[in-house]
């Protein structure tokens, strides 16, 4: 299933995308797309619905983040060896874990705000997964059972905040709108092999990132297992798995960074596309 949330910010309603690509309303069936729906039994009930019986939704309606009430946003850094090299950093021996604020979450076509003191605003298309059941010290062999679904995440990053202002990476990752999600939350049964997905990003029509999840250093199951050794993952938590090469910081001979008016287009096989325009911070 492809689950969505649609409507004005803060007033989104639950929905799904049927086999023909039509948006359908789930408001009569569920209150929202959130942690309470991510268990196997709850998802099975949704799959049993006849999509044709659900009211269609105007296709021009805004899509919001496809998951409400996200508890934690856990991110993995430097998870593609060629991205680590372009960043001038060593290839990690185990996953590099950092956090991103949930207040950064926005929709798949919402404006991305360039902070007024930004200097090096960058992009990072990433495969993210949603935890479906509580995970604590999970083994790699059983990790797939804890994943409810997958979605596109753009780990927007202000590099000057990240590297020049002291402290941890979270400072460069957490400004409002720095985490566009969606367009859909695709349940795990529709993504049989998350390590075989094309992943790409363009800025103003120029393709900068063009990779595949098969080149991850640490696959999805190893990431979930690893993170669960250090913190309990709850239903509705999101874990983002890192970005392939081609970020603005790594462009040679000179880095390329986002400016007001730039447009990003990005996507992952089977998970849809985002289209995002950079706007100035409203002072």
Protein backbone atom coordinates (compact mmCIF):
# COMPACT_ATOMS: atom_id res chain seq x y z
CA UNK A 1 0.00 0.00 0.00
CA UNK A 2 0.92 3.60 -0.58
CA UNK A 3 -0.34 5.63 2.37
CA UNK A 4 -0.61 9.42 2.26
CA UNK A 5 -1.79 12.39 4.26
CA UNK A 6 -3.38 15.29 2.41
CA UNK A 7 -4.67 18.76 3.17
CA UNK A 8 -3.41 21.99 4.67
CA UNK A 9 -0.50 21.89 7.13
CA UNK A 10 -1.68 20.73 10.52
CA UNK A 11 -5.04 19.62 9.13
CA UNK A 12 -4.00 16.62 7.03
CA UNK A 13 -6.37 13.71 6.51
CA UNK A 14 -5.40 10.06 5.94
CA UNK A 15 -5.54 8.49 2.52
CA UNK A 16 -4.03 5.96 0.14
CA UNK A 17 -3.05 5.71 -3.51
CA UNK A 18 -4.97 3.04 -5.43
CA UNK A 19 -3.53 0.84 -8.17
CA UNK A 20 -4.48 3.39 -10.81
CA UNK A 21 -2.73 6.25 -9.02
CA UNK A 22 -5.90 7.89 -7.68
CA UNK A 23 -5.80 9.37 -4.19
CA UNK A 24 -8.48 7.92 -1.92
CA UNK A 25 -9.78 9.17 1.43
CA UNK A 26 -9.41 7.00 4.54
CA UNK A 27 -11.00 9.43 7.00
CA UNK A 28 -14.00 7.17 7.66
CA UNK A 29 -11.72 4.23 8.46
CA UNK A 30 -8.86 5.73 10.50
CA UNK A 31 -8.09 8.92 12.36
CA UNK A 32 -4.64 9.44 10.86
CA UNK A 33 -1.61 7.66 9.43
CA UNK A 34 0.40 7.23 12.62
CA UNK A 35 2.06 4.69 14.89
CA UNK A 36 -1.25 3.05 15.80
CA UNK A 37 -1.65 1.80 12.20
CA UNK A 38 1.81 0.31 11.68
CA UNK A 39 1.35 -3.11 13.26
CA UNK A 40 0.88 -6.15 11.02
CA UNK A 41 -2.77 -6.62 12.01
CA UNK A 42 -3.69 -2.98 11.45
CA UNK A 43 -2.02 -2.86 8.05
CA UNK A 44 -3.77 -6.11 7.07
CA UNK A 45 -7.12 -4.50 7.83
CA UNK A 46 -6.28 -1.59 5.55
CA UNK A 47 -5.19 -3.95 2.77
CA UNK A 48 -8.55 -5.72 3.01
CA UNK A 49 -10.39 -2.54 2.02
CA UNK A 50 -11.63 -2.12 -1.54
CA UNK A 51 -9.93 1.10 -2.68
CA UNK A 52 -12.67 1.70 -5.22
CA UNK A 53 -15.15 2.06 -2.36
CA UNK A 54 -13.20 4.98 -0.89
CA UNK A 55 -13.99 8.58 -1.91
CA UNK A 56 -11.51 10.05 -4.42
CA UNK A 57 -9.44 13.08 -3.41
CA UNK A 58 -8.81 16.08 -5.64
CA UNK A 59 -5.35 15.42 -7.17
CA UNK A 60 -4.43 19.07 -6.75
CA UNK A 61 -4.73 18.82 -2.95
CA UNK A 62 -1.46 19.28 -1.09
CA UNK A 63 0.24 16.14 0.17
CA UNK A 64 1.69 16.45 3.64
CA UNK A 65 4.23 14.24 5.38
CA UNK A 66 2.83 10.72 5.04
CA UNK A 67 3.29 9.88 8.74
CA UNK A 68 1.99 11.83 11.73
CA UNK A 69 3.39 11.86 15.25
CA UNK A 70 6.96 10.83 14.44
CA UNK A 71 8.72 10.14 17.73
CA UNK A 72 12.36 10.03 16.64
CA UNK A 73 14.25 10.88 13.46
CA UNK A 74 17.44 8.83 13.50
CA UNK A 75 19.92 9.31 10.65
CA UNK A 76 22.93 7.40 9.39
CA UNK A 77 25.87 9.36 8.02
CA UNK A 78 28.50 8.38 5.46
CA UNK A 79 26.73 5.14 4.52
CA UNK A 80 27.92 5.12 0.90
CA UNK A 81 31.67 4.72 0.57
CA UNK A 82 31.95 7.10 -2.37
CA UNK A 83 30.00 9.77 -0.46
CA UNK A 84 32.40 9.46 2.48
CA UNK A 85 35.30 9.99 0.08
CA UNK A 86 33.73 13.08 -1.52
CA UNK A 87 33.22 14.52 1.96
CA UNK A 88 36.87 13.90 2.76
CA UNK A 89 35.98 11.62 5.69
CA UNK A 90 37.08 8.06 6.46
CA UNK A 91 34.81 5.15 5.60
CA UNK A 92 33.19 4.20 8.93
CA UNK A 93 33.73 0.84 10.61
CA UNK A 94 30.19 0.92 11.99
CA UNK A 95 27.15 3.11 11.29
CA UNK A 96 27.52 6.80 12.11
CA UNK A 97 24.37 7.74 14.02
CA UNK A 98 22.96 11.23 14.55
CA UNK A 99 19.54 12.77 15.12
CA UNK A 100 17.41 15.25 13.23
CA UNK A 101 14.69 17.29 14.92
CA UNK A 102 11.10 16.22 14.19
CA UNK A 103 10.19 19.92 13.83
CA UNK A 104 12.13 19.81 10.54
CA UNK A 105 9.51 17.54 8.95
CA UNK A 106 7.61 18.94 5.96
CA UNK A 107 5.71 17.68 2.94
CA UNK A 108 7.07 16.41 -0.39
CA UNK A 109 6.28 19.63 -2.28
CA UNK A 110 6.45 22.19 0.53
CA UNK A 111 8.94 25.08 0.25
CA UNK A 112 12.38 24.53 1.77
CA UNK A 113 13.40 27.55 3.83
CA UNK A 114 16.91 28.90 3.42
CA UNK A 115 17.88 30.33 6.84
CA UNK A 116 18.85 33.99 6.67
CA UNK A 117 22.32 33.18 8.06
CA UNK A 118 22.85 30.17 5.79
CA UNK A 119 26.05 29.95 3.79
CA UNK A 120 26.17 26.42 2.41
CA UNK A 121 22.70 24.91 2.03
CA UNK A 122 22.90 21.36 0.70
CA UNK A 123 20.75 18.41 -0.32
CA UNK A 124 20.83 14.68 0.48
CA UNK A 125 18.30 12.24 -1.01
CA UNK A 126 17.91 9.23 1.27
CA UNK A 127 15.97 6.02 1.69
CA UNK A 128 14.22 6.03 5.07
CA UNK A 129 12.30 3.30 6.84
CA UNK A 130 9.53 3.45 9.43
CA UNK A 131 9.60 1.25 12.51
CA UNK A 132 6.44 -0.83 12.91
CA UNK A 133 6.98 -2.43 16.31
CA UNK A 134 9.15 -1.81 19.35
CA UNK A 135 12.75 -2.75 18.59
CA UNK A 136 15.31 -3.24 21.33
CA UNK A 137 18.55 -5.17 20.77
CA UNK A 138 17.21 -6.74 17.58
CA UNK A 139 19.35 -9.22 15.65
CA UNK A 140 20.16 -8.60 11.99
CA UNK A 141 18.36 -11.78 10.89
CA UNK A 142 15.07 -10.62 12.42
CA UNK A 143 15.37 -6.88 11.71
CA UNK A 144 13.19 -6.86 8.58
CA UNK A 145 10.21 -7.92 10.71
CA UNK A 146 10.34 -4.58 12.53
CA UNK A 147 10.07 -2.40 9.41
CA UNK A 148 6.56 -1.22 8.51
CA UNK A 149 7.46 0.66 5.33
CA UNK A 150 9.75 2.94 3.37
CA UNK A 151 9.72 6.52 2.13
CA UNK A 152 11.83 9.21 0.49
CA UNK A 153 13.60 11.63 2.84
CA UNK A 154 15.60 14.71 1.85
CA UNK A 155 18.18 15.35 4.55
CA UNK A 156 18.53 19.07 3.82
CA UNK A 157 21.71 20.32 5.52
CA UNK A 158 23.22 23.71 6.23
CA UNK A 159 26.91 22.84 6.14
CA UNK A 160 28.06 25.99 7.90
CA UNK A 161 25.83 25.10 10.87
CA UNK A 162 26.97 21.49 10.67
CA UNK A 163 30.74 21.97 10.51
CA UNK A 164 31.57 25.54 11.51
CA UNK A 165 29.44 26.17 14.58
CA UNK A 166 30.73 23.53 16.98
CA UNK A 167 28.83 20.67 18.54
CA UNK A 168 27.16 17.86 16.66
CA UNK A 169 25.73 17.48 13.16
CA UNK A 170 22.16 17.89 14.44
CA UNK A 171 22.59 21.69 14.36
CA UNK A 172 23.01 21.64 10.59
CA UNK A 173 20.17 19.20 10.00
CA UNK A 174 17.23 20.48 12.01
CA UNK A 175 16.03 23.86 10.78
CA UNK A 176 12.33 24.03 9.87
CA UNK A 177 11.60 22.28 6.51
CA UNK A 178 14.97 20.48 6.51
CA UNK A 179 13.22 17.08 6.39
CA UNK A 180 10.78 16.76 3.49
CA UNK A 181 9.10 13.33 3.64
CA UNK A 182 7.12 11.35 1.11
CA UNK A 183 5.13 11.62 -1.05
CA UNK A 184 4.02 8.21 0.20
CA UNK A 185 4.69 5.75 2.98
CA UNK A 186 5.01 2.48 1.07
CA UNK A 187 4.44 -0.65 3.14
CA UNK A 188 7.33 -3.08 3.29
CA UNK A 189 5.55 -5.82 1.34
CA UNK A 190 5.78 -3.64 -1.79
CA UNK A 191 9.56 -3.23 -1.46
CA UNK A 192 10.89 -6.81 -1.45
CA UNK A 193 14.54 -5.74 -1.73
CA UNK A 194 15.37 -2.32 -0.26
CA UNK A 195 19.00 -2.86 -1.34
CA UNK A 196 18.17 -2.68 -5.05
CA UNK A 197 16.59 0.76 -5.49
CA UNK A 198 17.69 3.57 -7.79
CA UNK A 199 18.02 6.86 -5.90
CA UNK A 200 18.56 10.27 -7.50
CA UNK A 201 18.32 14.04 -7.12
CA UNK A 202 18.34 17.00 -9.52
CA UNK A 203 18.71 20.73 -8.91
CA UNK A 204 17.31 23.04 -11.57
CA UNK A 205 17.21 20.10 -13.99
CA UNK A 206 20.84 19.07 -13.45
CA UNK A 207 21.31 15.61 -12.01
CA UNK A 208 23.75 15.61 -9.11
CA UNK A 209 22.94 12.34 -7.34
CA UNK A 210 22.41 9.12 -9.27
CA UNK A 211 22.99 6.03 -7.16
CA UNK A 212 21.58 2.74 -5.98
CA UNK A 213 20.96 1.43 -2.49
CA UNK A 214 22.98 -1.70 -3.30
CA UNK A 215 26.14 0.36 -2.68
CA UNK A 216 25.28 1.08 0.95
CA UNK A 217 28.05 0.15 3.37
CA UNK A 218 25.50 -0.97 5.97
CA UNK A 219 22.17 -2.36 4.65
CA UNK A 220 18.80 -1.55 6.14
CA UNK A 221 18.62 -4.62 8.38
CA UNK A 222 22.07 -4.00 9.83
CA UNK A 223 21.17 -0.36 10.48
CA UNK A 224 18.01 -1.23 12.42
CA UNK A 225 19.85 -3.87 14.42
CA UNK A 226 22.74 -1.52 15.18
CA UNK A 227 20.60 1.43 16.28
CA UNK A 228 18.46 -0.83 18.47
CA UNK A 229 21.55 -1.75 20.50
CA UNK A 230 21.76 1.85 21.74
CA UNK A 231 18.15 3.02 21.94
CA UNK A 232 14.70 1.51 21.85
CA UNK A 233 12.99 2.21 18.55
CA UNK A 234 9.24 2.71 18.83
CA UNK A 235 6.48 2.37 16.22
CA UNK A 236 6.43 5.51 14.12
CA UNK A 237 10.13 6.27 14.51
CA UNK A 238 11.90 7.02 11.23
CA UNK A 239 15.44 5.93 10.41
CA UNK A 240 17.15 7.46 7.38
CA UNK A 241 19.92 5.39 5.82
CA UNK A 242 22.36 7.88 4.29
CA UNK A 243 22.90 9.50 0.93
CA UNK A 244 24.81 8.48 -2.22
CA UNK A 245 27.52 10.70 -3.72
CA UNK A 246 26.65 13.94 -5.46
CA UNK A 247 25.88 16.34 -2.63
CA UNK A 248 26.68 19.98 -3.27
CA UNK A 249 29.58 19.94 -0.81
CA UNK A 250 31.37 17.34 -2.93
CA UNK A 251 31.08 19.01 -6.35
CA UNK A 252 34.46 19.75 -7.93
CA UNK A 253 36.24 21.98 -8.72
CA UNK A 254 33.89 24.19 -6.66
CA UNK A 255 31.04 23.13 -4.35
CA UNK A 256 27.48 24.01 -5.38
CA UNK A 257 24.95 25.10 -2.77
CA UNK A 258 21.25 25.92 -2.84
CA UNK A 259 20.06 29.47 -3.36
CA UNK A 260 16.61 31.05 -3.09
CA UNK A 261 14.58 30.08 -6.16
CA UNK A 262 16.37 26.79 -6.81
CA UNK A 263 14.21 23.73 -7.41
CA UNK A 264 15.01 20.22 -6.28
CA UNK A 265 13.50 17.09 -7.79
CA UNK A 266 14.35 13.75 -6.20
CA UNK A 267 13.07 10.23 -5.95
CA UNK A 268 13.58 6.54 -5.27
CA UNK A 269 12.27 3.54 -7.23
CA UNK A 270 8.75 2.67 -6.08
CA UNK A 271 8.62 5.43 -3.47
CA UNK A 272 7.68 8.45 -5.57
CA UNK A 273 9.20 11.87 -6.13
CA UNK A 274 9.59 15.15 -4.29
CA UNK A 275 9.59 18.57 -5.94
CA UNK A 276 10.84 21.33 -3.68
CA UNK A 277 11.55 25.03 -4.14
CA UNK A 278 13.97 26.96 -1.95
CA UNK A 279 12.54 30.13 -0.40
CA UNK A 280 14.00 32.82 1.84
CA UNK A 281 13.36 32.79 5.57
CA UNK A 282 10.55 35.17 6.41
CA UNK A 283 12.11 37.70 8.74
